[in-house]
Amino acid sequence: MGNSKVLRTVATWLLCLMLAVAAAALTIVLVNAFVFSPQHQVKAYFNALEDGDGGTALGLLHATVPDANAAMLDGAALKASVDTLDNLEIQDPVPAGDNRVDQPVSYTVDGVAHSTTFTLEKTGTTWLFFNQWSFVPSTLPTISVDVVNGNEASLNGTRVALPEGKSSFAVFYPGSFEAHYASDYFAAPVVESVLTGPQNAQDARLSLATEATPKLVDDLSGQVNAFLDSCAEQRVLQPSGCPFSASMERVQDNTIDWSIVEYPEVKVEPFKGSWVISPLSGVVKLNVVEIDLFTGASVKRELKQAFDFTGQLSVNDGHVTLTPVVEY
């Protein structure tokens, strides 16, 4: 009887030990899967991006920062780069040999599906059982921005300088990048690019096609019209400094009456790093009483004349000036 009791006790302890070992093994598997896993590292990286914490993201990624503008690597600009990433799914890792795995991540940007694959490597263990995974060191990609006849723009809501109209920006990936330019007189519509990784960085170029705003065209049109109106007010056949004139032998005093029939359409175009006015064309009408030199009779005349001229554009300190250039 005594031996049987001892055997039952030993069996119970052995069963408990086996259950404890099995529980420990299961715990190790679960902790490796959810805490010390490649997915966990990638999740931590995305959390840092969402928080705008560039320092943590850079440390996790083990990435080198290239020689480029760093305005997108922290804070609000960094957060904005992942704000449009939705439906994020960190998938199962794929063995890549040499203690490495490829870790795919899928997501959408404005409803369009994209994916990024990170490569991680096993660098050791913690407490003998728990795997340590780290991103394979890399270099951050860059995104280039250029603007027509400008030296600044807005990139992911952050005002950035563009010396000589262009610059490159170091960025984390994946990310969505949006650039635009706006001022009273010149503006460029929004352009966007989704950077999924270093492999498509060569396509991440944001070119801003700056154009004259309606306000600029209105202001310049007002100046052109005022110039032509001042020419039309001159009661002479050859208004001084003006793009139109008439030649007649003799007219009745105080009958010369100029009026602008068609004002020029103002167009502003980029040219060799500056802005120029396209040639200006219009139509003027002259009402006058002409005296016939042979008969002395007075004859009412109405003459229409097409005219053209150019202008020099100057934009300084928020003010725009057009200087008419009339060739004789």
C-alpha atoms as a PDB file:
ATOM      1  CA  MET A   1       0.000   0.000   0.000  1.00  0.00           C
ATOM      2  CA  GLY A   2       2.785   2.374   0.876  1.00  0.00           C
ATOM      3  CA  ASN A   3       4.592   1.840  -2.421  1.00  0.00           C
ATOM      4  CA  SER A   4       1.418   2.450  -4.379  1.00  0.00           C
ATOM      5  CA  LYS A   5       0.871   5.765  -2.637  1.00  0.00           C
ATOM      6  CA  VAL A   6       4.444   6.809  -3.390  1.00  0.00           C
ATOM      7  CA  LEU A   7       4.043   5.840  -7.052  1.00  0.00           C
ATOM      8  CA  ARG A   8       0.829   7.826  -7.329  1.00  0.00           C
ATOM      9  CA  THR A   9       2.520  10.816  -5.782  1.00  0.00           C
ATOM     10  CA  VAL A  10       5.484  10.566  -8.144  1.00  0.00           C
ATOM     11  CA  ALA A  11       3.136  10.153 -11.120  1.00  0.00           C
ATOM     12  CA  THR A  12       1.188  13.223 -10.071  1.00  0.00           C
ATOM     13  CA  TRP A  13       4.367  15.246  -9.751  1.00  0.00           C
ATOM     14  CA  LEU A  14       5.588  13.991 -13.118  1.00  0.00           C
ATOM     15  CA  LEU A  15       2.286  14.939 -14.722  1.00  0.00           C
ATOM     16  CA  CYS A  16       2.448  18.372 -13.147  1.00  0.00           C
ATOM     17  CA  LEU A  17       6.029  18.762 -14.351  1.00  0.00           C
ATOM     18  CA  MET A  18       5.087  17.721 -17.869  1.00  0.00           C
ATOM     19  CA  LEU A  19       2.175  20.147 -17.881  1.00  0.00           C
ATOM     20  CA  ALA A  20       4.459  22.882 -16.588  1.00  0.00           C
ATOM     21  CA  VAL A  21       7.039  22.137 -19.303  1.00  0.00           C
ATOM     22  CA  ALA A  22       4.310  22.076 -21.958  1.00  0.00           C
ATOM     23  CA  ALA A  23       2.896  25.352 -20.636  1.00  0.00           C
ATOM     24  CA  ALA A  24       6.345  26.909 -20.645  1.00  0.00           C
ATOM     25  CA  ALA A  25       6.968  25.703 -24.189  1.00  0.00           C
ATOM     26  CA  LEU A  26       3.615  27.071 -25.291  1.00  0.00           C
ATOM     27  CA  THR A  27       4.387  30.345 -23.553  1.00  0.00           C
ATOM     28  CA  ILE A  28       7.722  30.578 -25.350  1.00  0.00           C
ATOM     29  CA  VAL A  29       6.031  29.901 -28.690  1.00  0.00           C
ATOM     30  CA  LEU A  30       3.326  32.491 -28.038  1.00  0.00           C
ATOM     31  CA  VAL A  31       5.737  35.115 -26.759  1.00  0.00           C
ATOM     32  CA  ASN A  32       8.015  34.532 -29.760  1.00  0.00           C
ATOM     33  CA  ALA A  33       5.021  34.816 -32.052  1.00  0.00           C
ATOM     34  CA  PHE A  34       3.501  37.947 -30.575  1.00  0.00           C
ATOM     35  CA  VAL A  35       6.214  39.810 -28.661  1.00  0.00           C
ATOM     36  CA  PHE A  36       9.569  38.772 -30.119  1.00  0.00           C
ATOM     37  CA  SER A  37       8.434  38.345 -33.720  1.00  0.00           C
ATOM     38  CA  PRO A  38       9.244  40.123 -36.995  1.00  0.00           C
ATOM     39  CA  GLN A  39       5.618  41.294 -37.077  1.00  0.00           C
ATOM     40  CA  HIS A  40       6.034  42.925 -33.683  1.00  0.00           C
ATOM     41  CA  GLN A  41       9.052  44.925 -34.884  1.00  0.00           C
ATOM     42  CA  VAL A  42       7.179  46.067 -37.979  1.00  0.00           C
ATOM     43  CA  LYS A  43       4.160  47.038 -35.880  1.00  0.00           C
ATOM     44  CA  ALA A  44       6.391  49.073 -33.586  1.00  0.00           C
ATOM     45  CA  TYR A  45       7.855  50.809 -36.628  1.00  0.00           C
ATOM     46  CA  PHE A  46       4.412  51.770 -37.946  1.00  0.00           C
ATOM     47  CA  ASN A  47       3.389  52.987 -34.491  1.00  0.00           C
ATOM     48  CA  ALA A  48       6.405  55.303 -34.489  1.00  0.00           C
ATOM     49  CA  LEU A  49       5.458  56.647 -37.935  1.00  0.00           C
ATOM     50  CA  GLU A  50       1.882  57.276 -36.811  1.00  0.00           C
ATOM     51  CA  ASP A  51       3.159  59.114 -33.724  1.00  0.00           C
ATOM     52  CA  GLY A  52       5.495  61.267 -35.806  1.00  0.00           C
ATOM     53  CA  ASP A  53       8.404  59.862 -33.779  1.00  0.00           C
ATOM     54  CA  GLY A  54      11.174  59.869 -36.351  1.00  0.00           C
ATOM     55  CA  GLY A  55      13.921  59.031 -33.874  1.00  0.00           C
ATOM     56  CA  THR A  56      12.274  55.786 -32.802  1.00  0.00           C
ATOM     57  CA  ALA A  57      11.362  54.872 -36.392  1.00  0.00           C
ATOM     58  CA  LEU A  58      14.928  55.451 -37.559  1.00  0.00           C
ATOM     59  CA  GLY A  59      16.337  53.381 -34.716  1.00  0.00           C
ATOM     60  CA  LEU A  60      14.003  50.466 -35.424  1.00  0.00           C
ATOM     61  CA  LEU A  61      14.669  50.557 -39.155  1.00  0.00           C
ATOM     62  CA  HIS A  62      18.459  50.734 -38.657  1.00  0.00           C
ATOM     63  CA  ALA A  63      18.511  53.122 -41.605  1.00  0.00           C
ATOM     64  CA  THR A  64      21.097  55.639 -42.744  1.00  0.00           C
ATOM     65  CA  VAL A  65      19.848  59.127 -43.587  1.00  0.00           C
ATOM     66  CA  PRO A  66      21.015  60.236 -47.040  1.00  0.00           C
ATOM     67  CA  ASP A  67      22.368  63.700 -47.825  1.00  0.00           C
ATOM     68  CA  ALA A  68      18.970  65.318 -48.354  1.00  0.00           C
ATOM     69  CA  ASN A  69      16.513  67.658 -46.639  1.00  0.00           C
ATOM     70  CA  ALA A  70      15.241  66.049 -43.400  1.00  0.00           C
ATOM     71  CA  ALA A  71      11.994  68.048 -43.081  1.00  0.00           C
ATOM     72  CA  MET A  72       9.834  64.917 -43.602  1.00  0.00           C
ATOM     73  CA  LEU A  73      11.499  62.779 -40.941  1.00  0.00           C
ATOM     74  CA  ASP A  74       9.723  63.916 -37.802  1.00  0.00           C
ATOM     75  CA  GLY A  75       6.638  65.534 -36.334  1.00  0.00           C
ATOM     76  CA  ALA A  76       3.546  66.588 -38.249  1.00  0.00           C
ATOM     77  CA  ALA A  77       5.131  66.045 -41.675  1.00  0.00           C
ATOM     78  CA  LEU A  78       5.972  62.443 -40.789  1.00  0.00           C
ATOM     79  CA  LYS A  79       2.508  61.770 -39.362  1.00  0.00           C
ATOM     80  CA  ALA A  80       0.929  63.188 -42.515  1.00  0.00           C
ATOM     81  CA  SER A  81       2.838  60.691 -44.660  1.00  0.00           C
ATOM     82  CA  VAL A  82       0.924  57.765 -43.120  1.00  0.00           C
ATOM     83  CA  ASP A  83      -2.404  59.466 -42.389  1.00  0.00           C
ATOM     84  CA  THR A  84      -3.860  58.167 -45.654  1.00  0.00           C
ATOM     85  CA  LEU A  85      -2.669  54.572 -45.145  1.00  0.00           C
ATOM     86  CA  ASP A  86      -5.709  52.413 -44.366  1.00  0.00           C
ATOM     87  CA  ASN A  87      -6.485  48.703 -43.971  1.00  0.00           C
ATOM     88  CA  LEU A  88      -2.979  47.973 -42.715  1.00  0.00           C
ATOM     89  CA  GLU A  89      -2.294  44.240 -42.492  1.00  0.00           C
ATOM     90  CA  ILE A  90       1.007  42.774 -41.319  1.00  0.00           C
ATOM     91  CA  GLN A  91       1.107  39.349 -42.915  1.00  0.00           C
ATOM     92  CA  ASP A  92       3.032  36.177 -42.080  1.00  0.00           C
ATOM     93  CA  PRO A  93       6.806  36.379 -42.599  1.00  0.00           C
ATOM     94  CA  VAL A  94       8.401  34.464 -45.456  1.00  0.00           C
ATOM     95  CA  PRO A  95      11.772  32.718 -44.847  1.00  0.00           C
ATOM     96  CA  ALA A  96      14.553  34.346 -46.877  1.00  0.00           C
ATOM     97  CA  GLY A  97      17.561  32.261 -45.776  1.00  0.00           C
ATOM     98  CA  ASP A  98      20.524  33.143 -43.555  1.00  0.00           C
ATOM     99  CA  ASN A  99      18.289  33.710 -40.517  1.00  0.00           C
ATOM    100  CA  ARG A 100      16.326  36.313 -42.467  1.00  0.00           C
ATOM    101  CA  VAL A 101      12.657  36.731 -43.298  1.00  0.00           C
ATOM    102  CA  ASP A 102      10.754  38.930 -45.704  1.00  0.00           C
ATOM    103  CA  GLN A 103       7.915  40.613 -43.876  1.00  0.00           C
ATOM    104  CA  PRO A 104       5.103  41.724 -46.248  1.00  0.00           C
ATOM    105  CA  VAL A 105       2.689  44.477 -45.280  1.00  0.00           C
ATOM    106  CA  SER A 106      -0.419  45.386 -47.272  1.00  0.00           C
ATOM    107  CA  TYR A 107      -2.453  48.591 -47.080  1.00  0.00           C
ATOM    108  CA  THR A 108      -4.508  50.973 -49.167  1.00  0.00           C
ATOM    109  CA  VAL A 109      -4.045  54.641 -50.035  1.00  0.00           C
ATOM    110  CA  ASP A 110      -7.191  56.422 -51.224  1.00  0.00           C
ATOM    111  CA  GLY A 111      -8.722  53.031 -51.927  1.00  0.00           C
ATOM    112  CA  VAL A 112      -5.795  51.778 -54.041  1.00  0.00           C
ATOM    113  CA  ALA A 113      -4.021  48.627 -52.822  1.00  0.00           C
ATOM    114  CA  HIS A 114      -0.284  48.769 -52.142  1.00  0.00           C
ATOM    115  CA  SER A 115       2.279  46.600 -50.380  1.00  0.00           C
ATOM    116  CA  THR A 116       5.731  46.922 -48.836  1.00  0.00           C
ATOM    117  CA  THR A 117       8.149  44.150 -47.907  1.00  0.00           C
ATOM    118  CA  PHE A 118      10.675  44.617 -45.109  1.00  0.00           C
ATOM    119  CA  THR A 119      13.615  42.285 -44.585  1.00  0.00           C
ATOM    120  CA  LEU A 120      14.488  41.372 -40.990  1.00  0.00           C
ATOM    121  CA  GLU A 121      17.165  39.125 -39.560  1.00  0.00           C
ATOM    122  CA  LYS A 122      17.441  37.069 -36.375  1.00  0.00           C
ATOM    123  CA  THR A 123      20.211  38.621 -34.311  1.00  0.00           C
ATOM    124  CA  GLY A 124      20.115  36.409 -31.236  1.00  0.00           C
ATOM    125  CA  THR A 125      17.942  35.408 -28.286  1.00  0.00           C
ATOM    126  CA  THR A 126      16.844  36.948 -25.021  1.00  0.00           C
ATOM    127  CA  TRP A 127      16.775  34.819 -21.875  1.00  0.00           C
ATOM    128  CA  LEU A 128      17.897  31.838 -24.000  1.00  0.00           C
ATOM    129  CA  PHE A 129      14.443  31.301 -25.510  1.00  0.00           C
ATOM    130  CA  PHE A 130      13.075  34.507 -27.056  1.00  0.00           C
ATOM    131  CA  ASN A 131      14.160  35.446 -30.573  1.00  0.00           C
ATOM    132  CA  GLN A 132      15.520  38.861 -31.365  1.00  0.00           C
ATOM    133  CA  TRP A 133      14.610  40.305 -34.779  1.00  0.00           C
ATOM    134  CA  SER A 134      15.998  43.459 -36.352  1.00  0.00           C
ATOM    135  CA  PHE A 135      15.477  45.246 -39.638  1.00  0.00           C
ATOM    136  CA  VAL A 136      18.322  44.659 -42.063  1.00  0.00           C
ATOM    137  CA  PRO A 137      20.196  48.003 -42.230  1.00  0.00           C
ATOM    138  CA  SER A 138      19.320  50.174 -45.229  1.00  0.00           C
ATOM    139  CA  THR A 139      19.391  53.744 -46.501  1.00  0.00           C
ATOM    140  CA  LEU A 140      16.273  55.888 -46.488  1.00  0.00           C
ATOM    141  CA  PRO A 141      14.913  56.737 -49.927  1.00  0.00           C
ATOM    142  CA  THR A 142      14.396  60.296 -51.128  1.00  0.00           C
ATOM    143  CA  ILE A 143      11.574  62.091 -52.869  1.00  0.00           C
ATOM    144  CA  SER A 144      12.318  65.019 -55.179  1.00  0.00           C
ATOM    145  CA  VAL A 145      10.199  68.157 -55.492  1.00  0.00           C
ATOM    146  CA  ASP A 146      10.548  70.871 -58.111  1.00  0.00           C
ATOM    147  CA  VAL A 147       8.508  73.969 -58.875  1.00  0.00           C
ATOM    148  CA  VAL A 148       8.351  76.221 -61.937  1.00  0.00           C
ATOM    149  CA  ASN A 149       9.809  79.668 -61.186  1.00  0.00           C
ATOM    150  CA  GLY A 150       9.616  79.285 -57.415  1.00  0.00           C
ATOM    151  CA  ASN A 151      11.798  78.563 -54.408  1.00  0.00           C
ATOM    152  CA  GLU A 152       9.337  77.063 -51.923  1.00  0.00           C
ATOM    153  CA  ALA A 153       6.311  74.782 -51.695  1.00  0.00           C
ATOM    154  CA  SER A 154       4.097  72.938 -49.240  1.00  0.00           C
ATOM    155  CA  LEU A 155       4.992  69.257 -48.753  1.00  0.00           C
ATOM    156  CA  ASN A 156       2.639  67.205 -46.575  1.00  0.00           C
ATOM    157  CA  GLY A 157       1.410  70.444 -45.053  1.00  0.00           C
ATOM    158  CA  THR A 158       4.900  71.675 -44.185  1.00  0.00           C
ATOM    159  CA  ARG A 159       6.421  74.699 -45.892  1.00  0.00           C
ATOM    160  CA  VAL A 160       9.747  73.686 -47.420  1.00  0.00           C
ATOM    161  CA  ALA A 161      12.477  75.595 -49.210  1.00  0.00           C
ATOM    162  CA  LEU A 162      13.370  74.690 -52.787  1.00  0.00           C
ATOM    163  CA  PRO A 163      16.667  76.395 -53.615  1.00  0.00           C
ATOM    164  CA  GLU A 164      16.843  77.061 -57.342  1.00  0.00           C
ATOM    165  CA  GLY A 165      13.384  75.549 -57.646  1.00  0.00           C
ATOM    166  CA  LYS A 166      14.110  71.992 -56.503  1.00  0.00           C
ATOM    167  CA  SER A 167      15.232  69.820 -53.614  1.00  0.00           C
ATOM    168  CA  SER A 168      15.346  66.199 -52.423  1.00  0.00           C
ATOM    169  CA  PHE A 169      13.819  65.030 -49.153  1.00  0.00           C
ATOM    170  CA  ALA A 170      14.753  61.970 -47.117  1.00  0.00           C
ATOM    171  CA  VAL A 171      11.605  60.026 -46.204  1.00  0.00           C
ATOM    172  CA  PHE A 172      10.432  56.970 -44.342  1.00  0.00           C
ATOM    173  CA  TYR A 173       8.461  54.352 -46.207  1.00  0.00           C
ATOM    174  CA  PRO A 174       5.796  53.503 -46.954  1.00  0.00           C
ATOM    175  CA  GLY A 175       4.251  56.934 -47.219  1.00  0.00           C
ATOM    176  CA  SER A 176       1.983  59.183 -49.218  1.00  0.00           C
ATOM    177  CA  PHE A 177       3.372  62.576 -50.191  1.00  0.00           C
ATOM    178  CA  GLU A 178       1.453  65.610 -51.401  1.00  0.00           C
ATOM    179  CA  ALA A 179       2.902  68.883 -52.653  1.00  0.00           C
ATOM    180  CA  HIS A 180       1.365  72.129 -53.815  1.00  0.00           C
ATOM    181  CA  TYR A 181       2.193  75.811 -54.127  1.00  0.00           C
ATOM    182  CA  ALA A 182      -0.102  78.764 -53.584  1.00  0.00           C
ATOM    183  CA  SER A 183       0.287  82.531 -53.440  1.00  0.00           C
ATOM    184  CA  ASP A 184      -1.792  85.506 -54.508  1.00  0.00           C
ATOM    185  CA  TYR A 185      -0.271  85.623 -57.958  1.00  0.00           C
ATOM    186  CA  PHE A 186       1.072  82.138 -58.693  1.00  0.00           C
ATOM    187  CA  ALA A 187      -0.151  78.660 -57.772  1.00  0.00           C
ATOM    188  CA  ALA A 188       0.368  75.017 -58.663  1.00  0.00           C
ATOM    189  CA  PRO A 189      -2.255  72.289 -58.236  1.00  0.00           C
ATOM    190  CA  VAL A 190      -1.708  69.401 -55.830  1.00  0.00           C
ATOM    191  CA  VAL A 191       0.478  66.529 -56.997  1.00  0.00           C
ATOM    192  CA  GLU A 192       0.782  63.268 -55.068  1.00  0.00           C
ATOM    193  CA  SER A 193       2.994  60.214 -54.974  1.00  0.00           C
ATOM    194  CA  VAL A 194       2.902  56.997 -52.944  1.00  0.00           C
ATOM    195  CA  LEU A 195       6.308  55.660 -51.992  1.00  0.00           C
ATOM    196  CA  THR A 196       6.132  51.965 -51.118  1.00  0.00           C
ATOM    197  CA  GLY A 197       9.863  51.473 -50.653  1.00  0.00           C
ATOM    198  CA  PRO A 198      13.349  52.304 -51.912  1.00  0.00           C
ATOM    199  CA  GLN A 199      12.705  50.278 -55.055  1.00  0.00           C
ATOM    200  CA  ASN A 200      10.182  52.810 -56.421  1.00  0.00           C
ATOM    201  CA  ALA A 201      11.910  55.946 -55.143  1.00  0.00           C
ATOM    202  CA  GLN A 202      12.974  56.831 -58.680  1.00  0.00           C
ATOM    203  CA  ASP A 203       9.297  57.363 -59.501  1.00  0.00           C
ATOM    204  CA  ALA A 204       8.675  59.586 -56.465  1.00  0.00           C
ATOM    205  CA  ARG A 205       9.039  62.952 -58.155  1.00  0.00           C
ATOM    206  CA  LEU A 206       6.619  65.777 -57.476  1.00  0.00           C
ATOM    207  CA  SER A 207       6.745  68.416 -60.204  1.00  0.00           C
ATOM    208  CA  LEU A 208       4.702  71.534 -59.554  1.00  0.00           C
ATOM    209  CA  ALA A 209       3.497  73.273 -62.699  1.00  0.00           C
ATOM    210  CA  THR A 210       3.066  76.811 -61.408  1.00  0.00           C
ATOM    211  CA  GLU A 211       0.684  79.091 -63.286  1.00  0.00           C
ATOM    212  CA  ALA A 212      -0.609  82.623 -62.955  1.00  0.00           C
ATOM    213  CA  THR A 213      -3.642  82.911 -60.686  1.00  0.00           C
ATOM    214  CA  PRO A 214      -6.888  84.609 -61.782  1.00  0.00           C
ATOM    215  CA  LYS A 215      -5.999  87.445 -59.394  1.00  0.00           C
ATOM    216  CA  LEU A 216      -2.729  88.088 -61.228  1.00  0.00           C
ATOM    217  CA  VAL A 217      -4.462  88.025 -64.610  1.00  0.00           C
ATOM    218  CA  ASP A 218      -7.169  90.381 -63.310  1.00  0.00           C
ATOM    219  CA  ASP A 219      -4.626  92.800 -61.854  1.00  0.00           C
ATOM    220  CA  LEU A 220      -2.570  92.828 -65.046  1.00  0.00           C
ATOM    221  CA  SER A 221      -5.660  93.156 -67.224  1.00  0.00           C
ATOM    222  CA  GLY A 222      -6.684  96.156 -65.163  1.00  0.00           C
ATOM    223  CA  GLN A 223      -3.309  97.784 -65.759  1.00  0.00           C
ATOM    224  CA  VAL A 224      -3.392  97.019 -69.494  1.00  0.00           C
ATOM    225  CA  ASN A 225      -6.922  98.357 -69.828  1.00  0.00           C
ATOM    226  CA  ALA A 226      -6.060 101.507 -67.877  1.00  0.00           C
ATOM    227  CA  PHE A 227      -3.052 102.097 -70.140  1.00  0.00           C
ATOM    228  CA  LEU A 228      -5.147 101.734 -73.290  1.00  0.00           C
ATOM    229  CA  ASP A 229      -7.928 103.907 -71.872  1.00  0.00           C
ATOM    230  CA  SER A 230      -5.370 106.646 -71.199  1.00  0.00           C
ATOM    231  CA  CYS A 231      -4.238 106.332 -74.830  1.00  0.00           C
ATOM    232  CA  ALA A 232      -7.817 106.579 -76.056  1.00  0.00           C
ATOM    233  CA  GLU A 233      -8.320 109.775 -74.051  1.00  0.00           C
ATOM    234  CA  GLN A 234      -5.681 111.549 -76.131  1.00  0.00           C
ATOM    235  CA  ARG A 235      -7.525 113.545 -78.817  1.00  0.00           C
ATOM    236  CA  VAL A 236      -4.738 113.334 -81.321  1.00  0.00           C
ATOM    237  CA  LEU A 237      -4.122 111.076 -84.306  1.00  0.00           C
ATOM    238  CA  GLN A 238      -0.907 109.737 -82.848  1.00  0.00           C
ATOM    239  CA  PRO A 239      -1.334 109.229 -79.071  1.00  0.00           C
ATOM    240  CA  SER A 240       2.045 109.459 -77.348  1.00  0.00           C
ATOM    241  CA  GLY A 241       3.591 106.153 -76.214  1.00  0.00           C
ATOM    242  CA  CYS A 242       0.601 104.169 -77.482  1.00  0.00           C
ATOM    243  CA  PRO A 243       0.315 101.119 -79.764  1.00  0.00           C
ATOM    244  CA  PHE A 244      -2.146 102.673 -82.223  1.00  0.00           C
ATOM    245  CA  SER A 245      -2.270 105.789 -84.404  1.00  0.00           C
ATOM    246  CA  ALA A 246      -3.768 107.144 -87.624  1.00  0.00           C
ATOM    247  CA  SER A 247      -2.466 109.203 -90.516  1.00  0.00           C
ATOM    248  CA  MET A 248      -4.726 111.804 -92.186  1.00  0.00           C
ATOM    249  CA  GLU A 249      -4.002 115.028 -94.028  1.00  0.00           C
ATOM    250  CA  ARG A 250      -6.563 117.193 -92.259  1.00  0.00           C
ATOM    251  CA  VAL A 251      -9.297 116.657 -89.676  1.00  0.00           C
ATOM    252  CA  GLN A 252     -11.857 118.910 -88.046  1.00  0.00           C
ATOM    253  CA  ASP A 253     -10.842 120.249 -84.657  1.00  0.00           C
ATOM    254  CA  ASN A 254     -12.083 118.342 -81.604  1.00  0.00           C
ATOM    255  CA  THR A 255     -13.546 115.447 -83.609  1.00  0.00           C
ATOM    256  CA  ILE A 256     -10.885 112.816 -82.899  1.00  0.00           C
ATOM    257  CA  ASP A 257     -12.482 110.118 -80.735  1.00  0.00           C
ATOM    258  CA  TRP A 258     -10.620 106.895 -79.946  1.00  0.00           C
ATOM    259  CA  SER A 259     -12.343 103.937 -78.248  1.00  0.00           C
ATOM    260  CA  ILE A 260     -11.121 100.460 -77.418  1.00  0.00           C
ATOM    261  CA  VAL A 261     -13.270  97.823 -79.111  1.00  0.00           C
ATOM    262  CA  GLU A 262     -11.389  94.729 -77.933  1.00  0.00           C
ATOM    263  CA  TYR A 263      -9.031  94.763 -74.970  1.00  0.00           C
ATOM    264  CA  PRO A 264      -6.087  92.305 -75.079  1.00  0.00           C
ATOM    265  CA  GLU A 265      -6.312  88.956 -73.347  1.00  0.00           C
ATOM    266  CA  VAL A 266      -3.499  88.785 -70.796  1.00  0.00           C
ATOM    267  CA  LYS A 267      -1.519  85.552 -70.628  1.00  0.00           C
ATOM    268  CA  VAL A 268       1.465  84.985 -68.333  1.00  0.00           C
ATOM    269  CA  GLU A 269       3.963  82.284 -69.276  1.00  0.00           C
ATOM    270  CA  PRO A 270       7.188  80.936 -67.704  1.00  0.00           C
ATOM    271  CA  PHE A 271      10.352  81.627 -69.683  1.00  0.00           C
ATOM    272  CA  LYS A 272      13.939  80.883 -68.679  1.00  0.00           C
ATOM    273  CA  GLY A 273      13.332  81.111 -64.952  1.00  0.00           C
ATOM    274  CA  SER A 274      11.080  84.152 -65.007  1.00  0.00           C
ATOM    275  CA  TRP A 275       7.575  85.189 -66.008  1.00  0.00           C
ATOM    276  CA  VAL A 276       6.748  86.978 -69.236  1.00  0.00           C
ATOM    277  CA  ILE A 277       3.651  88.479 -70.821  1.00  0.00           C
ATOM    278  CA  SER A 278       2.562  86.957 -74.117  1.00  0.00           C
ATOM    279  CA  PRO A 279       2.179  89.490 -76.953  1.00  0.00           C
ATOM    280  CA  LEU A 280      -0.908  91.658 -76.411  1.00  0.00           C
ATOM    281  CA  SER A 281      -3.339  92.254 -79.232  1.00  0.00           C
ATOM    282  CA  GLY A 282      -6.532  94.292 -79.445  1.00  0.00           C
ATOM    283  CA  VAL A 283      -8.762  96.420 -81.655  1.00  0.00           C
ATOM    284  CA  VAL A 284      -9.317 100.171 -81.478  1.00  0.00           C
ATOM    285  CA  LYS A 285     -11.886 102.358 -83.258  1.00  0.00           C
ATOM    286  CA  LEU A 286     -11.395 105.929 -84.425  1.00  0.00           C
ATOM    287  CA  ASN A 287     -14.317 108.271 -85.081  1.00  0.00           C
ATOM    288  CA  VAL A 288     -13.236 111.489 -86.750  1.00  0.00           C
ATOM    289  CA  VAL A 289     -14.402 114.163 -89.175  1.00  0.00           C
ATOM    290  CA  GLU A 290     -11.962 114.353 -92.075  1.00  0.00           C
ATOM    291  CA  ILE A 291     -11.760 117.381 -94.367  1.00  0.00           C
ATOM    292  CA  ASP A 292     -11.313 116.664 -98.072  1.00  0.00           C
ATOM    293  CA  LEU A 293      -8.336 118.706 -99.283  1.00  0.00           C
ATOM    294  CA  PHE A 294      -9.776 119.102-102.777  1.00  0.00           C
ATOM    295  CA  THR A 295     -13.409 119.933-102.015  1.00  0.00           C
ATOM    296  CA  GLY A 296     -13.206 121.119 -98.398  1.00  0.00           C
ATOM    297  CA  ALA A 297     -16.110 118.828 -97.563  1.00  0.00           C
ATOM    298  CA  SER A 298     -16.351 117.351 -94.075  1.00  0.00           C
ATOM    299  CA  VAL A 299     -16.637 113.553 -94.052  1.00  0.00           C
ATOM    300  CA  LYS A 300     -17.349 111.464 -90.950  1.00  0.00           C
ATOM    301  CA  ARG A 301     -15.010 108.511 -90.788  1.00  0.00           C
ATOM    302  CA  GLU A 302     -15.101 105.397 -88.593  1.00  0.00           C
ATOM    303  CA  LEU A 303     -11.937 103.331 -88.741  1.00  0.00           C
ATOM    304  CA  LYS A 304     -11.108 100.106 -86.911  1.00  0.00           C
ATOM    305  CA  GLN A 305      -7.512  99.130 -86.362  1.00  0.00           C
ATOM    306  CA  ALA A 306      -5.842  96.071 -84.899  1.00  0.00           C
ATOM    307  CA  PHE A 307      -2.858  96.781 -82.692  1.00  0.00           C
ATOM    308  CA  ASP A 308      -0.317  94.848 -80.675  1.00  0.00           C
ATOM    309  CA  PHE A 309       2.392  95.511 -78.124  1.00  0.00           C
ATOM    310  CA  THR A 310       4.277  93.717 -75.368  1.00  0.00           C
ATOM    311  CA  GLY A 311       4.898  94.314 -71.675  1.00  0.00           C
ATOM    312  CA  GLN A 312       7.540  93.761 -69.031  1.00  0.00           C
ATOM    313  CA  LEU A 313       6.299  92.068 -65.878  1.00  0.00           C
ATOM    314  CA  SER A 314       7.692  92.806 -62.424  1.00  0.00           C
ATOM    315  CA  VAL A 315       6.562  91.059 -59.235  1.00  0.00           C
ATOM    316  CA  ASN A 316       8.110  92.397 -56.020  1.00  0.00           C
ATOM    317  CA  ASP A 317       6.979  92.192 -52.389  1.00  0.00           C
ATOM    318  CA  GLY A 318       3.494  91.086 -53.330  1.00  0.00           C
ATOM    319  CA  HIS A 319       3.028  93.817 -55.929  1.00  0.00           C
ATOM    320  CA  VAL A 320       2.813  93.298 -59.656  1.00  0.00           C
ATOM    321  CA  THR A 321       3.602  95.885 -62.312  1.00  0.00           C
ATOM    322  CA  LEU A 322       3.282  95.708 -66.068  1.00  0.00           C
ATOM    323  CA  THR A 323       5.291  98.190 -68.108  1.00  0.00           C
ATOM    324  CA  PRO A 324       4.005  98.509 -71.708  1.00  0.00           C
ATOM    325  CA  VAL A 325       6.611  98.214 -74.438  1.00  0.00           C
ATOM    326  CA  VAL A 326       5.523  99.838 -77.723  1.00  0.00           C
ATOM    327  CA  GLU A 327       7.628  99.489 -80.831  1.00  0.00           C
ATOM    328  CA  TYR A 328       7.363 102.138 -83.516  1.00  0.00           C
END
